[in-house]
N, C-alpha and C. Protein backbone atom coordinates (compact mmCIF):
# COMPACT_ATOMS: atom_id res chain seq x y z
N MET A 1 -19.56 -11.52 41.53
CA MET A 1 -18.74 -10.61 40.62
C MET A 1 -19.43 -9.47 39.46
N THR A 2 -19.64 -8.19 40.39
CA THR A 2 -20.66 -7.31 40.09
C THR A 2 -21.23 -7.25 38.51
N GLN A 3 -21.71 -7.00 38.35
CA GLN A 3 -22.63 -6.20 36.59
C GLN A 3 -21.55 -5.44 36.53
N SER A 4 -21.02 -4.24 36.75
CA SER A 4 -20.28 -3.11 36.49
C SER A 4 -18.77 -4.33 36.14
N VAL A 5 -18.52 -5.00 37.33
CA VAL A 5 -17.33 -5.82 36.24
C VAL A 5 -17.02 -6.45 35.25
N ILE A 6 -18.17 -7.43 35.54
CA ILE A 6 -18.39 -8.01 33.85
C ILE A 6 -18.79 -7.71 33.13
N GLY A 7 -19.24 -6.65 33.48
CA GLY A 7 -19.42 -5.47 31.68
C GLY A 7 -18.49 -4.93 32.18
N ARG A 8 -17.12 -5.01 32.94
CA ARG A 8 -16.16 -4.15 31.63
C ARG A 8 -15.47 -4.75 31.29
N HIS A 9 -14.93 -5.68 31.48
CA HIS A 9 -14.78 -7.51 31.75
C HIS A 9 -14.78 -7.76 30.15
N ARG A 10 -16.35 -7.45 29.71
CA ARG A 10 -16.12 -7.56 27.98
C ARG A 10 -17.18 -7.15 27.09
N TRP A 11 -16.44 -5.69 27.28
CA TRP A 11 -16.17 -4.53 26.10
C TRP A 11 -14.77 -4.51 26.58
N ALA A 12 -13.86 -4.72 27.36
CA ALA A 12 -12.50 -4.23 27.08
C ALA A 12 -11.96 -5.07 26.24
N THR A 13 -11.40 -4.06 26.20
CA THR A 13 -10.86 -4.08 24.21
C THR A 13 -9.50 -4.59 24.71
N GLN A 14 -8.57 -5.65 23.12
CA GLN A 14 -7.53 -5.69 22.76
C GLN A 14 -6.71 -5.20 22.03
N ALA A 15 -7.15 -3.87 21.78
CA ALA A 15 -6.25 -3.12 20.32
C ALA A 15 -5.07 -2.83 21.70
N PRO A 16 -4.25 -2.03 20.12
CA PRO A 16 -2.95 -1.32 21.62
C PRO A 16 -3.31 0.38 21.84
N PRO A 17 -2.90 0.09 22.02
CA PRO A 17 -2.77 1.67 23.06
C PRO A 17 -3.19 2.69 21.45
N ARG A 18 -3.26 3.61 22.11
CA ARG A 18 -3.48 5.10 21.51
C ARG A 18 -2.44 5.61 20.81
N PRO A 19 -1.46 5.36 19.62
CA PRO A 19 -0.67 6.56 19.80
C PRO A 19 -0.42 8.08 20.42
N LYS A 20 0.90 8.12 20.24
CA LYS A 20 1.15 9.20 21.26
C LYS A 20 0.07 10.88 20.17
N PRO A 21 -0.16 11.62 20.62
CA PRO A 21 -0.34 12.72 19.64
C PRO A 21 0.48 13.32 19.06
N SER A 22 2.09 13.49 18.68
CA SER A 22 3.60 13.11 18.44
C SER A 22 3.53 12.58 17.55
N THR A 23 3.06 11.36 17.29
CA THR A 23 3.07 10.29 16.61
C THR A 23 2.01 10.61 14.99
N VAL A 24 1.02 10.83 15.63
CA VAL A 24 -0.23 10.36 14.81
C VAL A 24 0.48 11.28 13.72
N LEU A 25 1.05 12.95 14.73
CA LEU A 25 0.56 14.34 13.74
C LEU A 25 1.42 13.47 12.43
N ILE A 26 2.65 13.21 12.61
CA ILE A 26 4.18 12.88 11.80
C ILE A 26 3.39 12.48 11.18
N ALA A 27 3.20 11.10 11.60
CA ALA A 27 2.57 10.19 10.58
C ALA A 27 1.41 10.88 9.78
N THR A 28 0.52 11.07 9.67
CA THR A 28 -0.59 11.23 9.07
C THR A 28 0.41 13.02 7.94
N ALA A 29 1.05 13.68 8.73
CA ALA A 29 1.98 14.61 7.68
C ALA A 29 2.61 14.03 7.15
N THR A 30 3.52 13.30 6.90
CA THR A 30 4.02 11.91 6.43
C THR A 30 3.20 11.73 5.01
N SER A 31 2.20 10.96 5.06
CA SER A 31 1.41 10.16 4.18
C SER A 31 0.52 11.41 3.83
N VAL A 32 0.12 12.49 4.17
CA VAL A 32 -0.14 13.73 3.53
C VAL A 32 0.86 14.26 2.24
N ALA A 33 2.18 14.19 2.93
CA ALA A 33 3.35 15.04 2.28
C ALA A 33 3.23 14.38 0.65
N ALA A 34 3.69 12.09 1.39
CA ALA A 34 3.65 11.41 0.15
C ALA A 34 2.58 11.32 -1.44
N LEU A 35 1.89 11.42 -0.92
CA LEU A 35 0.88 11.71 -2.02
C LEU A 35 0.07 13.18 -2.01
N VAL A 36 1.24 14.03 -1.64
CA VAL A 36 0.87 15.43 -2.76
C VAL A 36 2.46 15.48 -3.39
N VAL A 37 2.83 14.47 -3.07
CA VAL A 37 4.51 14.41 -3.86
C VAL A 37 4.01 13.60 -5.58
N LEU A 38 3.40 13.08 -4.82
CA LEU A 38 2.83 12.37 -6.45
C LEU A 38 2.17 12.43 -7.58
N VAL A 39 1.00 13.80 -6.62
CA VAL A 39 0.61 14.48 -7.43
C VAL A 39 1.61 14.89 -8.11
N ALA A 40 2.51 15.96 -7.10
CA ALA A 40 2.47 16.76 -7.93
C ALA A 40 3.72 16.96 -9.37
N VAL A 41 4.71 15.15 -9.30
CA VAL A 41 4.79 14.94 -9.88
C VAL A 41 4.20 14.60 -11.08
N GLY A 42 3.26 13.39 -11.06
CA GLY A 42 2.11 13.69 -11.67
C GLY A 42 1.46 14.47 -12.36
N LYS A 43 1.53 15.59 -11.89
CA LYS A 43 1.25 17.50 -12.34
C LYS A 43 1.46 17.30 -13.92
N ALA A 44 3.34 17.91 -13.00
CA ALA A 44 4.61 17.47 -13.62
C ALA A 44 4.71 16.88 -14.69
N THR A 45 4.48 15.85 -15.47
CA THR A 45 4.72 14.52 -15.95
C THR A 45 4.05 14.84 -16.60
N GLY A 46 2.14 15.50 -16.61
CA GLY A 46 1.43 14.60 -17.47
C GLY A 46 0.83 13.34 -16.82
N GLU A 47 1.96 13.04 -15.77
CA GLU A 47 0.82 11.32 -15.80
C GLU A 47 -0.06 11.04 -14.38
N THR A 48 -0.51 10.32 -14.42
CA THR A 48 -1.98 10.56 -12.84
C THR A 48 -0.32 9.56 -12.25
N LEU A 49 -0.09 9.41 -11.10
CA LEU A 49 1.05 8.46 -9.91
C LEU A 49 0.26 8.54 -9.10
N LEU A 50 -1.06 9.21 -9.03
CA LEU A 50 -1.61 9.04 -6.83
C LEU A 50 -3.02 7.97 -7.74
N ILE A 51 -2.64 7.01 -7.48
CA ILE A 51 -4.65 5.94 -7.72
C ILE A 51 -4.24 5.82 -6.06
N PRO A 52 -6.06 5.48 -5.93
CA PRO A 52 -6.30 4.58 -4.65
C PRO A 52 -5.23 3.25 -3.95
N PRO A 53 -4.88 2.64 -4.37
CA PRO A 53 -4.28 1.26 -3.80
C PRO A 53 -2.70 1.75 -3.28
N LEU A 54 -1.80 3.28 -3.59
CA LEU A 54 -0.16 3.83 -3.72
C LEU A 54 -1.23 4.56 -2.19
N ALA A 55 -2.79 5.40 -2.22
CA ALA A 55 -2.69 5.88 -0.26
C ALA A 55 -3.11 4.72 0.58
N ALA A 56 -3.04 3.80 -0.35
CA ALA A 56 -3.28 2.42 1.56
C ALA A 56 -1.72 1.67 1.48
N SER A 57 -1.17 1.52 0.47
CA SER A 57 -0.09 1.19 0.86
C SER A 57 1.22 2.49 1.38
N MET A 58 0.38 3.77 1.29
CA MET A 58 1.13 4.66 2.35
C MET A 58 0.20 4.05 3.71
N ALA A 59 -0.31 4.47 3.49
CA ALA A 59 -0.74 3.90 5.43
C ALA A 59 -0.32 3.20 5.81
N LEU A 60 0.18 1.92 5.17
CA LEU A 60 0.97 0.79 6.05
C LEU A 60 2.63 1.45 6.12
N VAL A 61 2.86 2.10 5.27
CA VAL A 61 4.28 3.00 5.80
C VAL A 61 4.51 3.21 6.30
N VAL A 62 3.71 4.73 6.70
CA VAL A 62 3.85 5.01 7.96
C VAL A 62 2.55 5.35 9.15
N GLY A 63 1.98 4.28 9.17
CA GLY A 63 1.12 3.53 9.71
C GLY A 63 1.63 2.55 10.58
N ALA A 64 2.15 1.51 9.95
CA ALA A 64 2.32 -0.65 10.22
C ALA A 64 3.84 -0.39 10.02
N SER A 65 4.79 0.40 10.09
CA SER A 65 5.62 0.65 9.48
C SER A 65 6.91 -0.96 10.22
N GLY A 66 6.44 -0.85 10.72
CA GLY A 66 7.02 -2.60 12.05
C GLY A 66 6.26 -3.86 11.23
N LEU A 67 5.50 -4.02 10.24
CA LEU A 67 5.06 -5.37 9.47
C LEU A 67 5.30 -5.21 8.68
N PRO A 68 5.19 -6.54 8.22
CA PRO A 68 5.52 -7.74 6.39
C PRO A 68 5.72 -6.18 5.44
N LEU A 69 4.31 -6.07 5.38
CA LEU A 69 3.05 -4.91 4.57
C LEU A 69 3.76 -4.38 4.43
N GLY A 70 4.05 -3.26 5.65
CA GLY A 70 5.36 -1.37 4.81
C GLY A 70 6.01 -2.04 4.81
N GLN A 71 6.86 -2.62 4.55
CA GLN A 71 8.49 -2.48 4.53
C GLN A 71 8.24 -2.76 2.67
N PRO A 72 9.69 -1.87 2.02
CA PRO A 72 10.51 -1.69 1.04
C PRO A 72 9.62 -2.76 0.17
N ARG A 73 10.51 -3.98 0.09
CA ARG A 73 10.37 -5.51 -0.41
C ARG A 73 9.04 -5.67 -0.90
N ASN A 74 8.11 -5.75 0.33
CA ASN A 74 6.00 -5.39 0.19
C ASN A 74 5.61 -4.62 -0.71
N VAL A 75 5.66 -3.13 -0.49
CA VAL A 75 4.66 -2.39 -0.78
C VAL A 75 5.98 -1.99 -2.52
N ILE A 76 6.87 -1.61 -2.75
CA ILE A 76 7.16 -2.13 -4.73
C ILE A 76 7.20 -3.14 -4.81
N GLY A 77 7.40 -3.92 -4.67
CA GLY A 77 7.77 -5.49 -5.03
C GLY A 77 5.97 -6.14 -5.17
N GLY A 78 5.02 -5.77 -3.77
CA GLY A 78 3.62 -6.15 -3.62
C GLY A 78 3.25 -5.67 -5.25
N GLN A 79 3.04 -4.34 -5.59
CA GLN A 79 2.71 -3.53 -6.11
C GLN A 79 3.26 -3.48 -8.06
N LEU A 80 4.13 -4.23 -7.76
CA LEU A 80 5.15 -4.82 -9.10
C LEU A 80 4.24 -5.40 -9.99
N VAL A 81 4.61 -7.20 -8.54
CA VAL A 81 3.56 -7.90 -9.07
C VAL A 81 2.42 -8.24 -9.20
N SER A 82 1.56 -7.60 -8.43
CA SER A 82 0.40 -6.97 -8.18
C SER A 82 -0.20 -7.09 -10.12
N ALA A 83 0.44 -6.00 -10.51
CA ALA A 83 -0.13 -5.27 -11.90
C ALA A 83 0.21 -5.80 -12.77
N ALA A 84 1.75 -7.06 -12.47
CA ALA A 84 1.80 -7.03 -13.75
C ALA A 84 1.27 -8.68 -13.97
N THR A 85 0.65 -9.34 -12.32
CA THR A 85 -0.13 -10.85 -12.55
C THR A 85 -2.22 -9.72 -13.50
N GLY A 86 -2.54 -8.85 -12.97
CA GLY A 86 -3.28 -8.14 -13.91
C GLY A 86 -3.05 -7.65 -15.32
N PHE A 87 -1.72 -7.50 -15.89
CA PHE A 87 -1.49 -7.76 -17.30
C PHE A 87 -1.69 -8.59 -17.91
N VAL A 88 -1.26 -9.92 -17.58
CA VAL A 88 -1.57 -11.42 -17.98
C VAL A 88 -2.46 -11.40 -18.37
N VAL A 89 -3.71 -10.93 -16.88
CA VAL A 89 -5.56 -11.92 -16.87
C VAL A 89 -5.76 -10.50 -17.81
N LEU A 90 -5.76 -9.48 -17.72
CA LEU A 90 -5.95 -8.61 -19.50
C LEU A 90 -5.14 -9.26 -20.91
N ALA A 91 -4.61 -9.51 -20.65
CA ALA A 91 -3.94 -10.42 -22.52
C ALA A 91 -5.23 -11.92 -22.21
N VAL A 92 -5.22 -12.24 -21.71
CA VAL A 92 -5.80 -13.32 -21.33
C VAL A 92 -7.03 -13.07 -21.76
N LEU A 93 -7.88 -12.82 -20.43
CA LEU A 93 -9.26 -12.44 -20.94
C LEU A 93 -9.99 -11.35 -21.44
N GLY A 94 -9.31 -9.79 -21.34
CA GLY A 94 -9.71 -9.14 -22.03
C GLY A 94 -9.98 -8.17 -20.96
N GLN A 95 -10.22 -7.52 -20.83
CA GLN A 95 -10.40 -5.85 -19.60
C GLN A 95 -12.30 -6.27 -20.13
N ASN A 96 -12.45 -7.07 -18.73
CA ASN A 96 -13.98 -6.69 -18.54
C ASN A 96 -13.95 -6.78 -16.90
N ASP A 97 -15.24 -6.42 -16.32
CA ASP A 97 -15.63 -6.85 -15.07
C ASP A 97 -14.72 -8.87 -13.71
N TRP A 98 -14.75 -9.31 -14.91
CA TRP A 98 -14.19 -10.95 -14.66
C TRP A 98 -12.94 -10.97 -14.57
N SER A 99 -12.66 -9.80 -15.54
CA SER A 99 -10.87 -10.17 -15.44
C SER A 99 -10.31 -9.79 -14.50
N ALA A 100 -11.09 -8.50 -14.06
CA ALA A 100 -10.83 -7.51 -12.52
C ALA A 100 -10.36 -8.39 -11.67
N ALA A 101 -11.98 -9.25 -11.42
CA ALA A 101 -11.85 -9.93 -9.88
C ALA A 101 -11.28 -11.03 -9.78
N ILE A 102 -10.58 -11.42 -11.69
CA ILE A 102 -9.60 -12.71 -11.25
C ILE A 102 -8.56 -11.98 -11.14
N ALA A 103 -8.29 -10.49 -11.35
CA ALA A 103 -6.67 -10.92 -11.48
C ALA A 103 -6.69 -10.26 -10.02
N GLY A 104 -7.71 -9.38 -9.27
CA GLY A 104 -7.35 -8.96 -7.78
C GLY A 104 -6.77 -10.65 -7.06
N GLY A 105 -7.79 -11.46 -7.76
CA GLY A 105 -7.15 -12.59 -6.77
C GLY A 105 -6.25 -13.06 -6.74
N LEU A 106 -5.53 -13.52 -8.84
CA LEU A 106 -4.74 -14.10 -8.24
C LEU A 106 -3.11 -13.29 -8.23
N ALA A 107 -3.23 -11.92 -7.43
CA ALA A 107 -2.49 -11.22 -7.93
C ALA A 107 -1.98 -11.55 -6.22
N LEU A 108 -2.79 -11.70 -4.69
CA LEU A 108 -2.33 -12.24 -3.28
C LEU A 108 -1.68 -13.31 -3.89
N GLY A 109 -1.77 -14.42 -5.08
CA GLY A 109 -1.29 -16.02 -4.58
C GLY A 109 -0.22 -15.61 -5.60
N ALA A 110 0.18 -14.74 -6.30
CA ALA A 110 1.72 -15.03 -6.70
C ALA A 110 2.52 -13.78 -6.03
N MET A 111 1.87 -12.43 -4.84
CA MET A 111 2.80 -11.74 -3.68
C MET A 111 3.12 -12.75 -3.00
N LEU A 112 2.39 -14.13 -2.10
CA LEU A 112 1.97 -14.84 -1.45
C LEU A 112 3.54 -15.44 -2.34
N LEU A 113 3.48 -16.21 -3.03
CA LEU A 113 4.33 -16.55 -4.50
C LEU A 113 6.14 -16.32 -3.32
N LEU A 114 6.24 -14.92 -4.53
CA LEU A 114 7.43 -14.51 -3.95
C LEU A 114 7.70 -13.55 -3.58
N ARG A 115 6.59 -13.75 -1.99
CA ARG A 115 7.24 -13.72 -1.13
C ARG A 115 6.66 -12.28 -0.35
N VAL A 116 5.89 -11.19 -1.59
CA VAL A 116 6.52 -9.86 -1.66
C VAL A 116 4.78 -9.16 -0.76
N PRO A 117 3.82 -10.49 -0.12
CA PRO A 117 2.68 -9.98 -0.21
C PRO A 117 1.87 -8.49 0.36
N HIS A 118 1.39 -8.14 -0.05
CA HIS A 118 1.23 -6.59 0.28
C HIS A 118 -0.24 -5.97 0.25
N SER A 119 -1.35 -6.36 1.19
CA SER A 119 -2.39 -6.12 0.60
C SER A 119 -3.04 -5.22 -0.72
N PRO A 120 -2.83 -4.11 -0.42
CA PRO A 120 -3.35 -2.78 -1.22
C PRO A 120 -2.50 -3.24 -2.46
N ALA A 121 -2.10 -4.06 -3.24
CA ALA A 121 -1.98 -4.22 -3.90
C ALA A 121 -2.63 -4.52 -4.86
N ALA A 122 -3.59 -5.79 -4.15
CA ALA A 122 -4.67 -6.62 -4.79
C ALA A 122 -5.22 -6.00 -6.54
N ALA A 123 -4.95 -4.72 -5.26
CA ALA A 123 -6.43 -3.45 -5.83
C ALA A 123 -5.61 -2.37 -7.10
N THR A 124 -4.06 -2.71 -7.06
CA THR A 124 -3.60 -2.90 -8.73
C THR A 124 -3.91 -3.67 -9.76
N ALA A 125 -3.96 -4.56 -9.45
CA ALA A 125 -3.96 -5.49 -10.17
C ALA A 125 -5.69 -5.99 -10.72
N VAL A 126 -6.76 -4.94 -10.07
CA VAL A 126 -7.73 -4.90 -10.52
C VAL A 126 -7.82 -3.36 -10.75
N ILE A 127 -7.48 -2.18 -10.72
CA ILE A 127 -7.05 -1.28 -11.48
C ILE A 127 -6.69 -2.02 -12.89
N VAL A 128 -5.86 -2.03 -13.31
CA VAL A 128 -5.12 -2.81 -14.08
C VAL A 128 -5.93 -3.77 -15.76
N ALA A 129 -6.12 -4.81 -15.01
CA ALA A 129 -7.61 -5.11 -15.48
C ALA A 129 -9.28 -4.39 -16.12
N ALA A 130 -9.54 -3.66 -15.24
CA ALA A 130 -10.71 -3.35 -15.80
C ALA A 130 -10.33 -1.77 -16.40
N THR A 131 -9.07 -1.61 -16.69
CA THR A 131 -8.41 0.16 -17.04
C THR A 131 -8.13 -0.19 -18.58
N SER A 132 -7.45 -0.86 -18.82
CA SER A 132 -6.44 -1.82 -19.53
C SER A 132 -5.27 0.24 -20.02
N PRO A 133 -4.08 -0.21 -19.11
CA PRO A 133 -3.79 1.05 -18.54
C PRO A 133 -1.64 0.91 -20.53
N LYS A 134 -1.33 1.60 -20.48
CA LYS A 134 -0.12 0.89 -21.10
C LYS A 134 0.39 0.64 -20.50
N VAL A 135 0.73 -0.78 -20.47
CA VAL A 135 2.29 -1.52 -19.65
C VAL A 135 3.41 -0.60 -19.14
N VAL A 136 3.89 -0.07 -19.81
CA VAL A 136 5.50 -0.35 -20.04
C VAL A 136 5.10 1.15 -18.54
N SER A 137 4.89 1.80 -19.45
CA SER A 137 4.29 3.09 -18.33
C SER A 137 4.25 3.24 -17.24
N PHE A 138 2.57 2.90 -17.89
CA PHE A 138 2.02 1.82 -16.44
C PHE A 138 3.14 1.65 -15.40
N LEU A 139 3.83 0.64 -15.11
CA LEU A 139 5.10 0.26 -14.39
C LEU A 139 6.10 1.08 -14.31
N LEU A 140 6.33 1.73 -15.15
CA LEU A 140 7.12 3.06 -14.45
C LEU A 140 7.19 4.13 -14.05
N LEU A 141 5.53 4.01 -14.24
CA LEU A 141 5.33 5.35 -13.70
C LEU A 141 4.28 4.75 -11.68
N LEU A 142 4.27 2.70 -11.20
CA LEU A 142 3.98 3.12 -10.37
C LEU A 142 5.86 2.52 -9.82
N ALA A 143 6.72 1.92 -10.62
CA ALA A 143 7.78 1.64 -9.78
C ALA A 143 8.28 2.88 -9.38
N ALA A 144 7.87 4.39 -9.71
CA ALA A 144 8.50 5.43 -10.13
C ALA A 144 7.80 6.31 -7.92
N ALA A 145 6.53 5.69 -8.20
CA ALA A 145 5.45 6.37 -7.50
C ALA A 145 5.86 5.40 -5.61
N THR A 146 6.04 4.21 -6.21
CA THR A 146 6.24 2.80 -4.59
C THR A 146 7.24 4.08 -4.40
N VAL A 147 8.95 4.01 -4.98
CA VAL A 147 10.49 4.80 -4.20
C VAL A 147 9.83 5.50 -3.87
N ILE A 148 9.34 6.93 -4.15
CA ILE A 148 8.89 7.67 -3.62
C ILE A 148 7.86 7.44 -2.37
N LEU A 149 6.77 6.46 -1.96
CA LEU A 149 6.42 6.86 -1.14
C LEU A 149 7.21 5.22 0.24
N VAL A 150 8.34 4.75 -0.39
CA VAL A 150 9.34 4.22 0.37
C VAL A 150 9.67 5.78 0.86
N LEU A 151 10.30 6.60 0.04
CA LEU A 151 11.73 7.07 0.48
C LEU A 151 10.47 8.28 1.46
N VAL A 152 10.08 8.74 1.18
CA VAL A 152 8.75 9.68 2.32
C VAL A 152 8.72 9.27 2.89
N GLY A 153 8.36 7.70 3.32
CA GLY A 153 7.20 7.00 4.47
C GLY A 153 9.30 6.93 5.23
N LEU A 154 10.29 6.48 4.90
CA LEU A 154 11.77 6.30 5.59
C LEU A 154 12.15 8.34 6.65
N VAL A 155 12.03 8.99 5.25
CA VAL A 155 11.89 10.19 6.71
C VAL A 155 10.42 10.70 7.27
N GLY A 156 9.40 9.91 7.06
CA GLY A 156 8.97 10.44 8.34
C GLY A 156 8.74 9.23 9.78
N ASN A 157 9.78 8.71 9.62
CA ASN A 157 9.46 7.13 10.21
C ASN A 157 10.47 7.28 11.18
N ARG A 158 11.98 8.07 10.46
CA ARG A 158 12.70 8.56 11.10
C ARG A 158 12.90 9.35 11.41
N ILE A 159 12.01 10.92 11.51
CA ILE A 159 11.58 12.28 12.56
C ILE A 159 10.39 11.55 13.31
N ASN A 160 9.77 10.48 13.07
CA ASN A 160 8.89 10.00 13.78
C ASN A 160 9.56 9.30 15.10
N ASN A 161 10.43 8.91 15.08
CA ASN A 161 11.80 8.05 16.07
C ASN A 161 11.50 6.23 15.36
N GLN A 162 10.91 6.07 13.86
CA GLN A 162 10.30 4.70 14.10
C GLN A 162 11.57 3.75 13.18
N ARG A 163 11.63 2.87 13.83
CA ARG A 163 12.58 2.56 13.13
C ARG A 163 11.72 1.58 11.63
N TYR A 164 12.54 2.30 10.50
CA TYR A 164 12.24 1.98 9.30
C TYR A 164 13.34 2.15 8.39
N PRO A 165 13.06 0.81 7.39
CA PRO A 165 12.31 -0.41 6.93
C PRO A 165 13.47 -1.62 8.33
N ILE A 166 13.31 -2.20 8.23
CA ILE A 166 13.02 -3.29 9.27
C ILE A 166 13.98 -4.55 8.56
N TYR A 167 14.50 -3.77 7.10
CA TYR A 167 14.43 -4.98 6.31
C TYR A 167 14.31 -4.12 4.54
N TRP A 168 15.35 -3.72 4.14
CA TRP A 168 15.04 -3.33 2.56
C TRP A 168 14.55 -4.25 1.64
N TRP A 169 15.03 -5.62 1.02
CA TRP A 169 15.00 -6.52 0.83
C TRP A 169 15.18 -8.32 1.42
């Protein structure tokens, strides 16, 4: 075997092929649109709807729409379960860095037990334990935000000819 063949084999990627430019454009536009809608709704209500984990959720909804992590059940359920986990830890341990770390870790276990794993949601539990938001308003806003993400993602994925959702619940 020649050096060039060995070198090519050693550095060959196992990554999937690059998506078509139109697929990238539509997914990106869908993600931007969804996050802008969250900001607009937040401005209209005087509340913050856009938190970093929701940007990561949107990336899964349009960028990995075939994976379980991006399905509506996981996006909405995972975010709400993780927030609830954060509030439980907050009630027991108070607001501090240790609570935030514990809440993020426990959120994964809770999501797995309830069959709604959604990796960005672990960060939501951290935010709750670190910032101590008002329970009812935070959960209602989070629920609204995740539903918005899923609905905008549904439209974008349909335009992109992506099957979404694979399952609702």
